[in-house]
N, C-alpha and C. Protein backbone atom coordinates (compact mmCIF):
# COMPACT_ATOMS: atom_id res chain seq x y z
N MET A 1 -33.78 40.06 -184.13
CA MET A 1 -34.70 40.42 -185.17
C MET A 1 -34.37 41.79 -185.75
N GLU A 2 -34.16 42.72 -184.90
CA GLU A 2 -34.07 44.13 -185.29
C GLU A 2 -32.88 44.43 -186.19
N LEU A 3 -31.73 43.89 -185.91
CA LEU A 3 -30.52 44.22 -186.65
C LEU A 3 -30.62 43.80 -188.11
N HIS A 4 -31.16 42.62 -188.37
CA HIS A 4 -31.28 42.14 -189.75
C HIS A 4 -32.25 43.00 -190.56
N LEU A 5 -33.33 43.44 -189.93
CA LEU A 5 -34.29 44.30 -190.62
C LEU A 5 -33.67 45.66 -190.95
N LYS A 6 -32.92 46.20 -190.03
CA LYS A 6 -32.27 47.49 -190.28
C LYS A 6 -31.24 47.38 -191.40
N ARG A 7 -30.57 46.25 -191.49
CA ARG A 7 -29.61 46.06 -192.58
C ARG A 7 -30.32 46.03 -193.93
N LEU A 8 -31.51 45.45 -193.97
CA LEU A 8 -32.27 45.42 -195.22
C LEU A 8 -32.69 46.83 -195.65
N ILE A 9 -33.06 47.67 -194.69
CA ILE A 9 -33.42 49.06 -195.00
C ILE A 9 -32.19 49.80 -195.54
N ILE A 10 -31.05 49.61 -194.91
CA ILE A 10 -29.81 50.25 -195.38
C ILE A 10 -29.44 49.73 -196.76
N GLY A 11 -29.77 48.46 -197.04
CA GLY A 11 -29.48 47.87 -198.34
C GLY A 11 -30.38 48.34 -199.47
N GLY A 12 -31.44 49.09 -199.15
CA GLY A 12 -32.25 49.66 -200.21
C GLY A 12 -33.73 49.28 -200.20
N LEU A 13 -34.14 48.34 -199.36
CA LEU A 13 -35.57 48.03 -199.29
C LEU A 13 -36.29 49.16 -198.60
N LYS A 14 -37.48 49.49 -199.08
CA LYS A 14 -38.22 50.63 -198.51
C LYS A 14 -39.00 50.27 -197.26
N LYS A 15 -39.54 49.05 -197.21
CA LYS A 15 -40.32 48.60 -196.06
C LYS A 15 -39.98 47.15 -195.76
N VAL A 16 -39.82 46.84 -194.49
CA VAL A 16 -39.60 45.45 -194.07
C VAL A 16 -40.37 45.20 -192.79
N TYR A 17 -40.78 43.95 -192.59
CA TYR A 17 -41.43 43.58 -191.34
C TYR A 17 -41.14 42.11 -191.06
N GLU A 18 -41.36 41.74 -189.82
CA GLU A 18 -41.18 40.37 -189.40
C GLU A 18 -42.18 40.08 -188.27
N ILE A 19 -42.83 38.97 -188.38
CA ILE A 19 -43.73 38.51 -187.32
C ILE A 19 -43.12 37.23 -186.78
N GLY A 20 -42.87 37.20 -185.48
CA GLY A 20 -42.21 36.03 -184.92
C GLY A 20 -42.63 35.73 -183.50
N ARG A 21 -42.46 34.47 -183.13
CA ARG A 21 -42.68 34.04 -181.76
C ARG A 21 -41.44 34.39 -180.95
N ILE A 22 -41.66 35.00 -179.81
CA ILE A 22 -40.57 35.39 -178.92
C ILE A 22 -40.65 34.52 -177.67
N PHE A 23 -39.54 33.92 -177.31
CA PHE A 23 -39.49 33.06 -176.12
C PHE A 23 -38.50 33.66 -175.14
N ARG A 24 -39.00 34.02 -173.98
CA ARG A 24 -38.14 34.57 -172.93
C ARG A 24 -38.45 33.85 -171.63
N ASN A 25 -37.47 33.20 -171.11
CA ASN A 25 -37.64 32.51 -169.84
C ASN A 25 -36.78 33.22 -168.81
N GLU A 26 -37.36 34.20 -168.19
CA GLU A 26 -36.61 35.02 -167.25
C GLU A 26 -36.75 34.56 -165.81
N GLY A 27 -37.51 33.48 -165.61
CA GLY A 27 -37.66 32.96 -164.27
C GLY A 27 -38.39 33.89 -163.33
N VAL A 28 -39.27 34.73 -163.84
CA VAL A 28 -39.97 35.70 -163.02
C VAL A 28 -40.87 34.98 -162.02
N SER A 29 -41.76 34.14 -162.54
CA SER A 29 -42.62 33.35 -161.67
C SER A 29 -43.29 32.29 -162.53
N PHE A 30 -43.96 31.36 -161.89
CA PHE A 30 -44.67 30.33 -162.64
C PHE A 30 -45.89 30.90 -163.35
N LYS A 31 -46.33 32.11 -162.97
CA LYS A 31 -47.46 32.76 -163.62
C LYS A 31 -47.03 33.56 -164.86
N HIS A 32 -45.75 33.77 -165.00
CA HIS A 32 -45.22 34.57 -166.12
C HIS A 32 -45.27 33.76 -167.40
N ASN A 33 -45.88 34.33 -168.45
CA ASN A 33 -45.92 33.67 -169.75
C ASN A 33 -44.71 34.12 -170.56
N PRO A 34 -43.73 33.24 -170.78
CA PRO A 34 -42.49 33.65 -171.42
C PRO A 34 -42.53 33.71 -172.94
N GLU A 35 -43.69 33.46 -173.56
CA GLU A 35 -43.72 33.52 -175.01
C GLU A 35 -44.86 34.41 -175.49
N PHE A 36 -44.61 35.09 -176.58
CA PHE A 36 -45.61 35.97 -177.16
C PHE A 36 -45.25 36.18 -178.62
N THR A 37 -46.17 36.73 -179.39
CA THR A 37 -45.93 37.02 -180.80
C THR A 37 -45.72 38.52 -180.95
N MET A 38 -44.71 38.88 -181.73
CA MET A 38 -44.39 40.28 -181.90
C MET A 38 -44.23 40.59 -183.39
N MET A 39 -44.69 41.76 -183.79
CA MET A 39 -44.44 42.23 -185.14
C MET A 39 -43.53 43.44 -185.06
N GLU A 40 -42.49 43.39 -185.86
CA GLU A 40 -41.53 44.47 -185.88
C GLU A 40 -41.44 44.97 -187.32
N SER A 41 -41.49 46.28 -187.53
CA SER A 41 -41.45 46.81 -188.89
C SER A 41 -40.60 48.08 -188.94
N TYR A 42 -40.03 48.29 -190.11
CA TYR A 42 -39.24 49.49 -190.37
C TYR A 42 -39.60 50.00 -191.76
N GLU A 43 -39.60 51.32 -191.91
CA GLU A 43 -39.93 51.93 -193.19
C GLU A 43 -38.99 53.11 -193.41
N ALA A 44 -38.35 53.12 -194.57
CA ALA A 44 -37.43 54.21 -194.90
C ALA A 44 -38.21 55.51 -195.07
N TYR A 45 -37.66 56.60 -194.59
CA TYR A 45 -38.20 57.94 -194.75
C TYR A 45 -39.57 58.13 -194.11
N ALA A 46 -39.90 57.32 -193.13
CA ALA A 46 -41.19 57.46 -192.43
C ALA A 46 -40.96 58.21 -191.13
N ASP A 47 -41.92 59.06 -190.78
CA ASP A 47 -41.86 59.74 -189.49
C ASP A 47 -42.89 59.11 -188.54
N TYR A 48 -43.04 59.69 -187.38
CA TYR A 48 -43.92 59.10 -186.37
C TYR A 48 -45.38 59.08 -186.82
N ASN A 49 -45.78 60.05 -187.65
CA ASN A 49 -47.16 60.04 -188.15
C ASN A 49 -47.42 58.83 -189.05
N ASP A 50 -46.44 58.50 -189.89
CA ASP A 50 -46.56 57.33 -190.75
C ASP A 50 -46.65 56.05 -189.91
N VAL A 51 -45.85 55.99 -188.87
CA VAL A 51 -45.85 54.81 -188.00
C VAL A 51 -47.19 54.69 -187.27
N MET A 52 -47.71 55.80 -186.77
CA MET A 52 -49.02 55.77 -186.10
C MET A 52 -50.11 55.31 -187.05
N ASN A 53 -50.11 55.83 -188.27
CA ASN A 53 -51.11 55.42 -189.25
C ASN A 53 -51.00 53.94 -189.57
N ARG A 54 -49.79 53.44 -189.71
CA ARG A 54 -49.57 52.03 -190.02
C ARG A 54 -50.07 51.14 -188.88
N VAL A 55 -49.78 51.52 -187.64
CA VAL A 55 -50.23 50.74 -186.48
C VAL A 55 -51.76 50.75 -186.39
N GLU A 56 -52.37 51.90 -186.62
CA GLU A 56 -53.83 51.99 -186.56
C GLU A 56 -54.49 51.17 -187.67
N GLU A 57 -53.95 51.24 -188.88
CA GLU A 57 -54.49 50.45 -189.98
C GLU A 57 -54.33 48.95 -189.70
N ASN A 58 -53.19 48.58 -189.17
CA ASN A 58 -52.93 47.18 -188.86
C ASN A 58 -53.87 46.69 -187.76
N GLY A 59 -54.08 47.49 -186.73
CA GLY A 59 -54.99 47.10 -185.65
C GLY A 59 -56.41 46.92 -186.14
N LEU A 60 -56.87 47.84 -186.98
CA LEU A 60 -58.22 47.75 -187.54
C LEU A 60 -58.35 46.51 -188.43
N PHE A 61 -57.35 46.25 -189.25
CA PHE A 61 -57.36 45.09 -190.13
C PHE A 61 -57.37 43.79 -189.32
N ARG A 62 -56.54 43.71 -188.28
CA ARG A 62 -56.46 42.50 -187.45
C ARG A 62 -57.76 42.28 -186.69
N CYS A 63 -58.34 43.35 -186.18
CA CYS A 63 -59.59 43.24 -185.43
C CYS A 63 -60.71 42.73 -186.32
N SER A 64 -60.89 43.34 -187.48
CA SER A 64 -61.97 42.91 -188.36
C SER A 64 -61.70 41.54 -188.96
N GLY A 65 -60.45 41.20 -189.17
CA GLY A 65 -60.11 39.90 -189.74
C GLY A 65 -60.22 38.75 -188.75
N SER A 66 -59.92 39.01 -187.49
CA SER A 66 -59.91 37.92 -186.52
C SER A 66 -61.27 37.66 -185.88
N ILE A 67 -62.03 38.72 -185.60
CA ILE A 67 -63.32 38.51 -184.95
C ILE A 67 -64.50 38.91 -185.83
N GLY A 68 -64.21 39.42 -187.03
CA GLY A 68 -65.26 39.74 -187.98
C GLY A 68 -65.99 41.05 -187.75
N THR A 69 -65.53 41.84 -186.82
CA THR A 69 -66.15 43.13 -186.53
C THR A 69 -65.09 44.09 -186.04
N THR A 70 -65.42 45.37 -186.01
CA THR A 70 -64.46 46.36 -185.54
C THR A 70 -64.80 46.87 -184.15
N SER A 71 -65.75 46.22 -183.48
CA SER A 71 -66.08 46.62 -182.10
C SER A 71 -65.93 45.43 -181.17
N VAL A 72 -65.55 45.74 -179.94
CA VAL A 72 -65.30 44.72 -178.93
C VAL A 72 -66.05 45.10 -177.66
N GLN A 73 -66.69 44.15 -177.04
CA GLN A 73 -67.37 44.39 -175.77
C GLN A 73 -66.39 44.15 -174.64
N PHE A 74 -66.22 45.14 -173.78
CA PHE A 74 -65.32 45.04 -172.62
C PHE A 74 -66.11 45.45 -171.39
N GLY A 75 -66.62 44.46 -170.66
CA GLY A 75 -67.49 44.75 -169.53
C GLY A 75 -68.78 45.36 -170.03
N ASP A 76 -69.11 46.53 -169.52
CA ASP A 76 -70.31 47.26 -169.96
C ASP A 76 -70.01 48.23 -171.10
N THR A 77 -68.77 48.28 -171.53
CA THR A 77 -68.35 49.25 -172.53
C THR A 77 -68.10 48.59 -173.88
N THR A 78 -68.55 49.22 -174.94
CA THR A 78 -68.25 48.78 -176.29
C THR A 78 -67.13 49.64 -176.83
N ILE A 79 -66.05 49.01 -177.24
CA ILE A 79 -64.90 49.73 -177.79
C ILE A 79 -64.96 49.60 -179.30
N GLU A 80 -65.02 50.72 -180.00
CA GLU A 80 -65.11 50.76 -181.45
C GLU A 80 -63.75 51.15 -182.02
N PHE A 81 -63.20 50.29 -182.88
CA PHE A 81 -61.89 50.55 -183.47
C PHE A 81 -61.98 51.24 -184.82
N LYS A 82 -63.17 51.30 -185.39
CA LYS A 82 -63.35 51.93 -186.69
C LYS A 82 -63.51 53.44 -186.51
N PRO A 83 -62.84 54.23 -187.35
CA PRO A 83 -62.98 55.69 -187.24
C PRO A 83 -64.43 56.11 -187.46
N ALA A 84 -64.88 57.09 -186.70
CA ALA A 84 -66.26 57.57 -186.83
C ALA A 84 -66.27 59.04 -187.24
N GLY A 85 -67.16 59.39 -188.13
CA GLY A 85 -67.40 60.80 -188.46
C GLY A 85 -66.21 61.55 -188.99
N GLY A 86 -65.48 60.97 -189.91
CA GLY A 86 -64.38 61.69 -190.54
C GLY A 86 -63.05 61.57 -189.82
N ARG A 87 -63.05 60.96 -188.65
CA ARG A 87 -61.77 60.76 -187.99
C ARG A 87 -60.99 59.69 -188.75
N ASP A 88 -59.72 59.91 -188.93
CA ASP A 88 -58.92 58.91 -189.62
C ASP A 88 -57.97 58.18 -188.67
N CYS A 89 -58.04 58.48 -187.39
CA CYS A 89 -57.13 57.87 -186.42
C CYS A 89 -57.89 57.48 -185.16
N PRO A 90 -58.49 56.29 -185.11
CA PRO A 90 -59.32 55.93 -183.96
C PRO A 90 -58.56 55.82 -182.65
N PHE A 91 -57.31 55.36 -182.66
CA PHE A 91 -56.61 55.13 -181.41
C PHE A 91 -56.15 56.42 -180.75
N ARG A 92 -56.01 57.48 -181.52
CA ARG A 92 -55.62 58.77 -180.94
C ARG A 92 -56.73 59.34 -180.08
N ASP A 93 -57.97 58.97 -180.41
CA ASP A 93 -59.12 59.49 -179.67
C ASP A 93 -59.63 58.52 -178.61
N ALA A 94 -58.96 57.41 -178.42
CA ALA A 94 -59.43 56.40 -177.48
C ALA A 94 -59.31 56.89 -176.04
N ASP A 95 -60.22 56.45 -175.21
CA ASP A 95 -60.20 56.76 -173.78
C ASP A 95 -59.51 55.60 -173.07
N TYR A 96 -58.26 55.78 -172.70
CA TYR A 96 -57.48 54.70 -172.11
C TYR A 96 -57.75 54.53 -170.61
N THR A 97 -58.68 55.30 -170.05
CA THR A 97 -58.99 55.12 -168.64
C THR A 97 -59.90 53.92 -168.40
N ILE A 98 -60.46 53.34 -169.47
CA ILE A 98 -61.35 52.17 -169.33
C ILE A 98 -60.61 51.04 -168.64
N SER A 99 -59.35 50.80 -169.02
CA SER A 99 -58.61 49.66 -168.46
C SER A 99 -58.33 49.86 -166.96
N GLN A 100 -58.29 51.09 -166.50
CA GLN A 100 -58.03 51.35 -165.10
C GLN A 100 -59.26 51.11 -164.24
N GLN A 101 -60.46 51.09 -164.85
CA GLN A 101 -61.69 50.91 -164.10
C GLN A 101 -61.96 49.45 -163.78
N HIS A 102 -61.33 48.52 -164.51
CA HIS A 102 -61.64 47.09 -164.32
C HIS A 102 -60.51 46.38 -163.63
């Protein structure tokens, strides 16, 4: 996937992306799920801040589009993906210790 996208950027396209099913059968165990969906994107002249913003916007869009809301209930905790009070980057302020508690 990656090489063809990079060639398009070198060829003059400013932004490219691909969403695809990935199949990997590594024989890890019968519990291992060898397939998943991955999105890969490249943008000319973008730095890490641009990439972070794009990922955050995409996550917010996918969350609201798939479940109709920007908040998710996880155990006793409500996780809000929408920026609050002037914050423009919700994932930068997230408390990632929640996943370690469950």
